[in-house]
């Protein structure tokens, strides 16, 4: 099992490589926010993130204790750090 610091290091490296993005208005507060996942200046919806995670898990063969592919759920974080990822096996 991978530990959390390695995931954060990978996200930090990816964010450094992608560079700064144009801030977009937050849907609830209207405040300008640098969203982690954007394409062409638009936010990526949660269903697209879930589909991408499912495809990545299927491609790597990650399995839970019962042999089924892992179910990964993206969750929002109230802090300015990258989103927390929770694994439900």
PDB file of N, CA and C in Angstrom:
ATOM      1  N   UNK A   1       0.838  -1.179   0.000  1.00  0.00           N
ATOM      2  CA  UNK A   1       0.000   0.000   0.000  1.00  0.00           C
ATOM      3  C   UNK A   1       0.886   1.246   0.000  1.00  0.00           C
ATOM      4  N   UNK A   2       0.525   2.250  -0.767  1.00  0.00           N
ATOM      5  CA  UNK A   2       1.299   3.478  -0.840  1.00  0.00           C
ATOM      6  C   UNK A   2       0.954   4.386   0.330  1.00  0.00           C
ATOM      7  N   UNK A   3       1.944   5.145   0.752  1.00  0.00           N
ATOM      8  CA  UNK A   3       1.680   6.059   1.861  1.00  0.00           C
ATOM      9  C   UNK A   3       1.338   7.451   1.339  1.00  0.00           C
ATOM     10  N   UNK A   4       0.653   8.222   2.152  1.00  0.00           N
ATOM     11  CA  UNK A   4       0.150   9.541   1.753  1.00  0.00           C
ATOM     12  C   UNK A   4       1.246  10.507   1.312  1.00  0.00           C
ATOM     13  N   UNK A   5       2.406  10.573   1.986  1.00  0.00           N
ATOM     14  CA  UNK A   5       3.408  11.536   1.538  1.00  0.00           C
ATOM     15  C   UNK A   5       3.847  11.320   0.093  1.00  0.00           C
ATOM     16  N   UNK A   6       3.927  10.091  -0.375  1.00  0.00           N
ATOM     17  CA  UNK A   6       4.327   9.835  -1.759  1.00  0.00           C
ATOM     18  C   UNK A   6       3.284  10.377  -2.716  1.00  0.00           C
ATOM     19  N   UNK A   7       2.004  10.232  -2.393  1.00  0.00           N
ATOM     20  CA  UNK A   7       0.947  10.767  -3.263  1.00  0.00           C
ATOM     21  C   UNK A   7       1.052  12.284  -3.319  1.00  0.00           C
ATOM     22  N   UNK A   8       1.280  12.923  -2.160  1.00  0.00           N
ATOM     23  CA  UNK A   8       1.388  14.377  -2.135  1.00  0.00           C
ATOM     24  C   UNK A   8       2.604  14.833  -2.927  1.00  0.00           C
ATOM     25  N   UNK A   9       3.715  14.082  -2.842  1.00  0.00           N
ATOM     26  CA  UNK A   9       4.908  14.432  -3.613  1.00  0.00           C
ATOM     27  C   UNK A   9       4.612  14.359  -5.106  1.00  0.00           C
ATOM     28  N   UNK A  10       3.877  13.330  -5.529  1.00  0.00           N
ATOM     29  CA  UNK A  10       3.532  13.186  -6.942  1.00  0.00           C
ATOM     30  C   UNK A  10       2.630  14.335  -7.399  1.00  0.00           C
ATOM     31  N   UNK A  11       1.653  14.706  -6.575  1.00  0.00           N
ATOM     32  CA  UNK A  11       0.780  15.828  -6.926  1.00  0.00           C
ATOM     33  C   UNK A  11       1.553  17.141  -6.971  1.00  0.00           C
ATOM     34  N   UNK A  12       2.464  17.336  -6.008  1.00  0.00           N
ATOM     35  CA  UNK A  12       3.274  18.553  -6.007  1.00  0.00           C
ATOM     36  C   UNK A  12       4.128  18.644  -7.266  1.00  0.00           C
ATOM     37  N   UNK A  13       4.723  17.525  -7.670  1.00  0.00           N
ATOM     38  CA  UNK A  13       5.549  17.517  -8.878  1.00  0.00           C
ATOM     39  C   UNK A  13       4.702  17.807 -10.114  1.00  0.00           C
ATOM     40  N   UNK A  14       3.513  17.220 -10.185  1.00  0.00           N
ATOM     41  CA  UNK A  14       2.629  17.457 -11.333  1.00  0.00           C
ATOM     42  C   UNK A  14       2.184  18.914 -11.381  1.00  0.00           C
ATOM     43  N   UNK A  15       1.833  19.475 -10.222  1.00  0.00           N
ATOM     44  CA  UNK A  15       1.391  20.867 -10.172  1.00  0.00           C
ATOM     45  C   UNK A  15       2.531  21.811 -10.581  1.00  0.00           C
ATOM     46  N   UNK A  16       3.764  21.491 -10.185  1.00  0.00           N
ATOM     47  CA  UNK A  16       4.903  22.326 -10.573  1.00  0.00           C
ATOM     48  C   UNK A  16       5.125  22.260 -12.080  1.00  0.00           C
ATOM     49  N   UNK A  17       4.945  21.075 -12.670  1.00  0.00           N
ATOM     50  CA  UNK A  17       5.149  20.917 -14.114  1.00  0.00           C
ATOM     51  C   UNK A  17       4.048  21.606 -14.918  1.00  0.00           C
ATOM     52  N   UNK A  18       2.810  21.602 -14.419  1.00  0.00           N
ATOM     53  CA  UNK A  18       1.708  22.199 -15.180  1.00  0.00           C
ATOM     54  C   UNK A  18       1.717  23.717 -15.107  1.00  0.00           C
ATOM     55  N   UNK A  19       2.358  24.268 -14.082  1.00  0.00           N
ATOM     56  CA  UNK A  19       2.436  25.722 -13.937  1.00  0.00           C
ATOM     57  C   UNK A  19       1.152  26.311 -13.364  1.00  0.00           C
ATOM     58  N   UNK A  20       1.154  27.630 -13.198  1.00  0.00           N
ATOM     59  CA  UNK A  20      -0.024  28.318 -12.648  1.00  0.00           C
ATOM     60  C   UNK A  20      -1.131  28.337 -13.671  1.00  0.00           C
ATOM     61  N   UNK A  21      -2.329  28.190 -13.185  1.00  0.00           N
ATOM     62  CA  UNK A  21      -3.523  28.231 -14.022  1.00  0.00           C
ATOM     63  C   UNK A  21      -4.299  29.499 -13.702  1.00  0.00           C
ATOM     64  N   UNK A  22      -5.110  29.918 -14.649  1.00  0.00           N
ATOM     65  CA  UNK A  22      -5.967  31.084 -14.420  1.00  0.00           C
ATOM     66  C   UNK A  22      -6.975  30.743 -13.332  1.00  0.00           C
ATOM     67  N   UNK A  23      -7.116  31.619 -12.352  1.00  0.00           N
ATOM     68  CA  UNK A  23      -8.079  31.407 -11.275  1.00  0.00           C
ATOM     69  C   UNK A  23      -9.496  31.512 -11.827  1.00  0.00           C
ATOM     70  N   UNK A  24     -10.370  30.639 -11.360  1.00  0.00           N
ATOM     71  CA  UNK A  24     -11.772  30.612 -11.781  1.00  0.00           C
ATOM     72  C   UNK A  24     -12.660  30.914 -10.579  1.00  0.00           C
ATOM     73  N   UNK A  25     -13.851  31.467 -10.802  1.00  0.00           N
ATOM     74  CA  UNK A  25     -14.740  31.735  -9.672  1.00  0.00           C
ATOM     75  C   UNK A  25     -15.253  30.444  -9.034  1.00  0.00           C
ATOM     76  N   UNK A  26     -15.204  30.393  -7.710  1.00  0.00           N
ATOM     77  CA  UNK A  26     -15.734  29.240  -6.987  1.00  0.00           C
ATOM     78  C   UNK A  26     -17.251  29.250  -7.127  1.00  0.00           C
ATOM     79  N   UNK A  27     -17.869  28.079  -7.402  1.00  0.00           N
ATOM     80  CA  UNK A  27     -19.315  28.065  -7.642  1.00  0.00           C
ATOM     81  C   UNK A  27     -20.160  28.518  -6.452  1.00  0.00           C
ATOM     82  N   UNK A  28     -19.675  28.336  -5.228  1.00  0.00           N
ATOM     83  CA  UNK A  28     -20.476  28.737  -4.066  1.00  0.00           C
ATOM     84  C   UNK A  28     -20.151  30.144  -3.576  1.00  0.00           C
ATOM     85  N   UNK A  29     -18.855  30.493  -3.568  1.00  0.00           N
ATOM     86  CA  UNK A  29     -18.466  31.775  -2.976  1.00  0.00           C
ATOM     87  C   UNK A  29     -18.220  32.868  -4.000  1.00  0.00           C
ATOM     88  N   UNK A  30     -17.932  32.480  -5.251  1.00  0.00           N
ATOM     89  CA  UNK A  30     -17.611  33.449  -6.282  1.00  0.00           C
ATOM     90  C   UNK A  30     -16.181  33.957  -6.206  1.00  0.00           C
ATOM     91  N   UNK A  31     -15.454  33.551  -5.171  1.00  0.00           N
ATOM     92  CA  UNK A  31     -14.064  33.967  -4.997  1.00  0.00           C
ATOM     93  C   UNK A  31     -13.166  33.261  -6.012  1.00  0.00           C
ATOM     94  N   UNK A  32     -12.152  33.938  -6.546  1.00  0.00           N
ATOM     95  CA  UNK A  32     -11.228  33.341  -7.516  1.00  0.00           C
ATOM     96  C   UNK A  32     -10.400  32.246  -6.842  1.00  0.00           C
ATOM     97  N   UNK A  33     -10.374  31.065  -7.465  1.00  0.00           N
ATOM     98  CA  UNK A  33      -9.696  29.897  -6.902  1.00  0.00           C
ATOM     99  C   UNK A  33      -8.868  29.238  -7.999  1.00  0.00           C
ATOM    100  N   UNK A  34      -7.675  28.757  -7.633  1.00  0.00           N
ATOM    101  CA  UNK A  34      -6.851  27.973  -8.557  1.00  0.00           C
ATOM    102  C   UNK A  34      -7.242  26.503  -8.374  1.00  0.00           C
ATOM    103  N   UNK A  35      -8.156  26.013  -9.211  1.00  0.00           N
ATOM    104  CA  UNK A  35      -8.613  24.627  -9.106  1.00  0.00           C
ATOM    105  C   UNK A  35      -7.504  23.687  -9.555  1.00  0.00           C
ATOM    106  N   UNK A  36      -7.413  22.521  -8.919  1.00  0.00           N
ATOM    107  CA  UNK A  36      -6.369  21.561  -9.226  1.00  0.00           C
ATOM    108  C   UNK A  36      -6.549  20.960 -10.615  1.00  0.00           C
ATOM    109  N   UNK A  37      -7.764  20.590 -10.970  1.00  0.00           N
ATOM    110  CA  UNK A  37      -8.017  19.930 -12.254  1.00  0.00           C
ATOM    111  C   UNK A  37      -8.805  20.848 -13.170  1.00  0.00           C
ATOM    112  N   UNK A  38      -8.154  21.325 -14.229  1.00  0.00           N
ATOM    113  CA  UNK A  38      -8.818  22.136 -15.250  1.00  0.00           C
ATOM    114  C   UNK A  38      -8.318  21.693 -16.622  1.00  0.00           C
ATOM    115  N   UNK A  39      -9.150  21.867 -17.623  1.00  0.00           N
ATOM    116  CA  UNK A  39      -8.777  21.600 -19.010  1.00  0.00           C
ATOM    117  C   UNK A  39      -9.283  22.753 -19.844  1.00  0.00           C
ATOM    118  N   UNK A  40      -8.397  23.391 -20.571  1.00  0.00           N
ATOM    119  CA  UNK A  40      -8.798  24.496 -21.430  1.00  0.00           C
ATOM    120  C   UNK A  40      -9.456  25.635 -20.677  1.00  0.00           C
ATOM    121  N   UNK A  41      -9.015  25.875 -19.442  1.00  0.00           N
ATOM    122  CA  UNK A  41      -9.564  26.969 -18.657  1.00  0.00           C
ATOM    123  C   UNK A  41     -10.923  26.685 -18.041  1.00  0.00           C
ATOM    124  N   UNK A  42     -11.354  25.431 -18.069  1.00  0.00           N
ATOM    125  CA  UNK A  42     -12.641  25.041 -17.480  1.00  0.00           C
ATOM    126  C   UNK A  42     -12.410  23.979 -16.412  1.00  0.00           C
ATOM    127  N   UNK A  43     -13.210  24.022 -15.342  1.00  0.00           N
ATOM    128  CA  UNK A  43     -13.137  22.987 -14.310  1.00  0.00           C
ATOM    129  C   UNK A  43     -13.545  21.639 -14.880  1.00  0.00           C
ATOM    130  N   UNK A  44     -12.925  20.598 -14.368  1.00  0.00           N
ATOM    131  CA  UNK A  44     -13.304  19.234 -14.735  1.00  0.00           C
ATOM    132  C   UNK A  44     -14.356  18.791 -13.727  1.00  0.00           C
ATOM    133  N   UNK A  45     -15.454  18.243 -14.222  1.00  0.00           N
ATOM    134  CA  UNK A  45     -16.538  17.805 -13.353  1.00  0.00           C
ATOM    135  C   UNK A  45     -16.188  16.550 -12.578  1.00  0.00           C
ATOM    136  N   UNK A  46     -16.899  16.295 -11.483  1.00  0.00           N
ATOM    137  CA  UNK A  46     -16.613  15.132 -10.642  1.00  0.00           C
ATOM    138  C   UNK A  46     -16.792  13.802 -11.366  1.00  0.00           C
ATOM    139  N   UNK A  47     -17.745  13.714 -12.277  1.00  0.00           N
ATOM    140  CA  UNK A  47     -17.935  12.433 -12.975  1.00  0.00           C
ATOM    141  C   UNK A  47     -16.744  12.127 -13.878  1.00  0.00           C
ATOM    142  N   UNK A  48     -16.159  13.152 -14.487  1.00  0.00           N
ATOM    143  CA  UNK A  48     -14.978  12.921 -15.329  1.00  0.00           C
ATOM    144  C   UNK A  48     -13.805  12.465 -14.472  1.00  0.00           C
ATOM    145  N   UNK A  49     -13.652  13.037 -13.281  1.00  0.00           N
ATOM    146  CA  UNK A  49     -12.577  12.608 -12.382  1.00  0.00           C
ATOM    147  C   UNK A  49     -12.800  11.167 -11.951  1.00  0.00           C
ATOM    148  N   UNK A  50     -14.049  10.821 -11.584  1.00  0.00           N
ATOM    149  CA  UNK A  50     -14.347   9.432 -11.183  1.00  0.00           C
ATOM    150  C   UNK A  50     -14.066   8.456 -12.318  1.00  0.00           C
ATOM    151  N   UNK A  51     -14.460   8.808 -13.547  1.00  0.00           N
ATOM    152  CA  UNK A  51     -14.196   7.916 -14.691  1.00  0.00           C
ATOM    153  C   UNK A  51     -12.695   7.755 -14.931  1.00  0.00           C
ATOM    154  N   UNK A  52     -11.949   8.836 -14.792  1.00  0.00           N
ATOM    155  CA  UNK A  52     -10.498   8.762 -14.953  1.00  0.00           C
ATOM    156  C   UNK A  52      -9.842   7.888 -13.901  1.00  0.00           C
ATOM    157  N   UNK A  53     -10.298   8.033 -12.656  1.00  0.00           N
ATOM    158  CA  UNK A  53      -9.773   7.178 -11.583  1.00  0.00           C
ATOM    159  C   UNK A  53     -10.093   5.712 -11.839  1.00  0.00           C
ATOM    160  N   UNK A  54     -11.328   5.436 -12.262  1.00  0.00           N
ATOM    161  CA  UNK A  54     -11.727   4.051 -12.543  1.00  0.00           C
ATOM    162  C   UNK A  54     -10.878   3.458 -13.664  1.00  0.00           C
ATOM    163  N   UNK A  55     -10.621   4.241 -14.705  1.00  0.00           N
ATOM    164  CA  UNK A  55      -9.791   3.762 -15.816  1.00  0.00           C
ATOM    165  C   UNK A  55      -8.357   3.504 -15.357  1.00  0.00           C
ATOM    166  N   UNK A  56      -7.824   4.390 -14.516  1.00  0.00           N
ATOM    167  CA  UNK A  56      -6.458   4.209 -14.009  1.00  0.00           C
ATOM    168  C   UNK A  56      -6.356   2.966 -13.137  1.00  0.00           C
ATOM    169  N   UNK A  57      -7.358   2.744 -12.305  1.00  0.00           N
ATOM    170  CA  UNK A  57      -7.358   1.570 -11.433  1.00  0.00           C
ATOM    171  C   UNK A  57      -7.460   0.301 -12.261  1.00  0.00           C
ATOM    172  N   UNK A  58      -8.349   0.322 -13.265  1.00  0.00           N
ATOM    173  CA  UNK A  58      -8.483  -0.848 -14.140  1.00  0.00           C
ATOM    174  C   UNK A  58      -7.200  -1.150 -14.891  1.00  0.00           C
ATOM    175  N   UNK A  59      -6.500  -0.103 -15.322  1.00  0.00           N
ATOM    176  CA  UNK A  59      -5.260  -0.281 -16.066  1.00  0.00           C
ATOM    177  C   UNK A  59      -4.113  -0.795 -15.221  1.00  0.00           C
ATOM    178  N   UNK A  60      -4.131  -0.496 -13.932  1.00  0.00           N
ATOM    179  CA  UNK A  60      -3.049  -0.935 -13.056  1.00  0.00           C
ATOM    180  C   UNK A  60      -3.346  -2.264 -12.383  1.00  0.00           C
ATOM    181  N   UNK A  61      -4.617  -2.678 -12.412  1.00  0.00           N
ATOM    182  CA  UNK A  61      -4.983  -3.953 -11.791  1.00  0.00           C
ATOM    183  C   UNK A  61      -5.087  -3.894 -10.280  1.00  0.00           C
ATOM    184  N   UNK A  62      -5.279  -2.708  -9.702  1.00  0.00           N
ATOM    185  CA  UNK A  62      -5.428  -2.610  -8.252  1.00  0.00           C
ATOM    186  C   UNK A  62      -6.702  -3.318  -7.815  1.00  0.00           C
ATOM    187  N   UNK A  63      -6.572  -4.206  -6.849  1.00  0.00           N
ATOM    188  CA  UNK A  63      -7.705  -5.009  -6.379  1.00  0.00           C
ATOM    189  C   UNK A  63      -7.844  -4.912  -4.874  1.00  0.00           C
ATOM    190  N   UNK A  64      -9.085  -5.008  -4.411  1.00  0.00           N
ATOM    191  CA  UNK A  64      -9.366  -5.040  -2.990  1.00  0.00           C
ATOM    192  C   UNK A  64      -9.227  -6.448  -2.453  1.00  0.00           C
ATOM    193  N   UNK A  65      -9.526  -6.656  -1.175  1.00  0.00           N
ATOM    194  CA  UNK A  65      -9.377  -7.972  -0.557  1.00  0.00           C
ATOM    195  C   UNK A  65     -10.273  -9.040  -1.177  1.00  0.00           C
ATOM    196  N   UNK A  66     -11.393  -8.641  -1.784  1.00  0.00           N
ATOM    197  CA  UNK A  66     -12.299  -9.624  -2.392  1.00  0.00           C
ATOM    198  C   UNK A  66     -11.962  -9.894  -3.853  1.00  0.00           C
ATOM    199  N   UNK A  67     -10.925  -9.205  -4.375  1.00  0.00           N
ATOM    200  CA  UNK A  67     -10.549  -9.407  -5.770  1.00  0.00           C
ATOM    201  C   UNK A  67     -11.217  -8.448  -6.739  1.00  0.00           C
ATOM    202  N   UNK A  68     -12.144  -7.659  -6.259  1.00  0.00           N
ATOM    203  CA  UNK A  68     -12.807  -6.662  -7.105  1.00  0.00           C
ATOM    204  C   UNK A  68     -11.889  -5.457  -7.284  1.00  0.00           C
ATOM    205  N   UNK A  69     -12.014  -4.729  -8.414  1.00  0.00           N
ATOM    206  CA  UNK A  69     -11.222  -3.502  -8.560  1.00  0.00           C
ATOM    207  C   UNK A  69     -11.538  -2.532  -7.421  1.00  0.00           C
ATOM    208  N   UNK A  70     -10.518  -1.823  -6.947  1.00  0.00           N
ATOM    209  CA  UNK A  70     -10.720  -0.852  -5.870  1.00  0.00           C
ATOM    210  C   UNK A  70     -11.675   0.238  -6.310  1.00  0.00           C
ATOM    211  N   UNK A  71     -12.438   0.751  -5.362  1.00  0.00           N
ATOM    212  CA  UNK A  71     -13.334   1.879  -5.616  1.00  0.00           C
ATOM    213  C   UNK A  71     -12.715   3.095  -4.935  1.00  0.00           C
ATOM    214  N   UNK A  72     -12.262   4.063  -5.729  1.00  0.00           N
ATOM    215  CA  UNK A  72     -11.631   5.268  -5.208  1.00  0.00           C
ATOM    216  C   UNK A  72     -12.615   6.422  -5.355  1.00  0.00           C
ATOM    217  N   UNK A  73     -12.814   7.177  -4.285  1.00  0.00           N
ATOM    218  CA  UNK A  73     -13.749   8.290  -4.302  1.00  0.00           C
ATOM    219  C   UNK A  73     -13.004   9.594  -4.053  1.00  0.00           C
ATOM    220  N   UNK A  74     -13.057  10.534  -5.003  1.00  0.00           N
ATOM    221  CA  UNK A  74     -12.445  11.836  -4.732  1.00  0.00           C
ATOM    222  C   UNK A  74     -13.305  12.603  -3.735  1.00  0.00           C
ATOM    223  N   UNK A  75     -12.659  13.271  -2.796  1.00  0.00           N
ATOM    224  CA  UNK A  75     -13.394  14.063  -1.810  1.00  0.00           C
ATOM    225  C   UNK A  75     -12.866  15.485  -1.817  1.00  0.00           C
ATOM    226  N   UNK A  76     -13.709  16.425  -1.454  1.00  0.00           N
ATOM    227  CA  UNK A  76     -13.286  17.816  -1.353  1.00  0.00           C
ATOM    228  C   UNK A  76     -12.523  18.015  -0.063  1.00  0.00           C
ATOM    229  N   UNK A  77     -11.613  18.966  -0.091  1.00  0.00           N
ATOM    230  CA  UNK A  77     -10.837  19.307   1.092  1.00  0.00           C
ATOM    231  C   UNK A  77     -11.124  20.760   1.448  1.00  0.00           C
ATOM    232  N   UNK A  78     -11.315  21.044   2.724  1.00  0.00           N
ATOM    233  CA  UNK A  78     -11.597  22.411   3.157  1.00  0.00           C
ATOM    234  C   UNK A  78     -10.319  23.224   3.298  1.00  0.00           C
ATOM    235  N   UNK A  79      -9.163  22.581   3.122  1.00  0.00           N
ATOM    236  CA  UNK A  79      -7.888  23.277   3.245  1.00  0.00           C
ATOM    237  C   UNK A  79      -7.315  23.539   1.858  1.00  0.00           C
ATOM    238  N   UNK A  80      -6.343  24.439   1.729  1.00  0.00           N
ATOM    239  CA  UNK A  80      -5.781  24.730   0.411  1.00  0.00           C
ATOM    240  C   UNK A  80      -4.804  23.681  -0.093  1.00  0.00           C
ATOM    241  N   UNK A  81      -4.681  22.534   0.595  1.00  0.00           N
ATOM    242  CA  UNK A  81      -3.809  21.463   0.138  1.00  0.00           C
ATOM    243  C   UNK A  81      -4.525  20.649  -0.929  1.00  0.00           C
ATOM    244  N   UNK A  82      -3.818  19.772  -1.672  1.00  0.00           N
ATOM    245  CA  UNK A  82      -4.481  18.954  -2.688  1.00  0.00           C
ATOM    246  C   UNK A  82      -5.594  18.109  -2.082  1.00  0.00           C
ATOM    247  N   UNK A  83      -6.582  17.702  -2.889  1.00  0.00           N
ATOM    248  CA  UNK A  83      -7.705  16.920  -2.356  1.00  0.00           C
ATOM    249  C   UNK A  83      -7.262  15.640  -1.685  1.00  0.00           C
ATOM    250  N   UNK A  84      -7.990  15.242  -0.667  1.00  0.00           N
ATOM    251  CA  UNK A  84      -7.727  13.976   0.003  1.00  0.00           C
ATOM    252  C   UNK A  84      -8.412  12.878  -0.804  1.00  0.00           C
ATOM    253  N   UNK A  85      -7.776  11.753  -0.939  1.00  0.00           N
ATOM    254  CA  UNK A  85      -8.365  10.616  -1.670  1.00  0.00           C
ATOM    255  C   UNK A  85      -8.652   9.527  -0.676  1.00  0.00           C
ATOM    256  N   UNK A  86      -9.859   8.993  -0.705  1.00  0.00           N
ATOM    257  CA  UNK A  86     -10.200   7.920   0.210  1.00  0.00           C
ATOM    258  C   UNK A  86     -10.441   6.658  -0.595  1.00  0.00           C
ATOM    259  N   UNK A  87      -9.959   5.557  -0.078  1.00  0.00           N
ATOM    260  CA  UNK A  87     -10.108   4.267  -0.750  1.00  0.00           C
ATOM    261  C   UNK A  87     -11.168   3.461  -0.030  1.00  0.00           C
ATOM    262  N   UNK A  88     -12.129   2.971  -0.780  1.00  0.00           N
ATOM    263  CA  UNK A  88     -13.163   2.106  -0.232  1.00  0.00           C
ATOM    264  C   UNK A  88     -13.001   0.768  -0.899  1.00  0.00           C
ATOM    265  N   UNK A  89     -12.636  -0.256  -0.137  1.00  0.00           N
ATOM    266  CA  UNK A  89     -12.370  -1.571  -0.719  1.00  0.00           C
ATOM    267  C   UNK A  89     -13.538  -2.418  -0.548  1.00  0.00           C
TER     268      UNK A  89
END
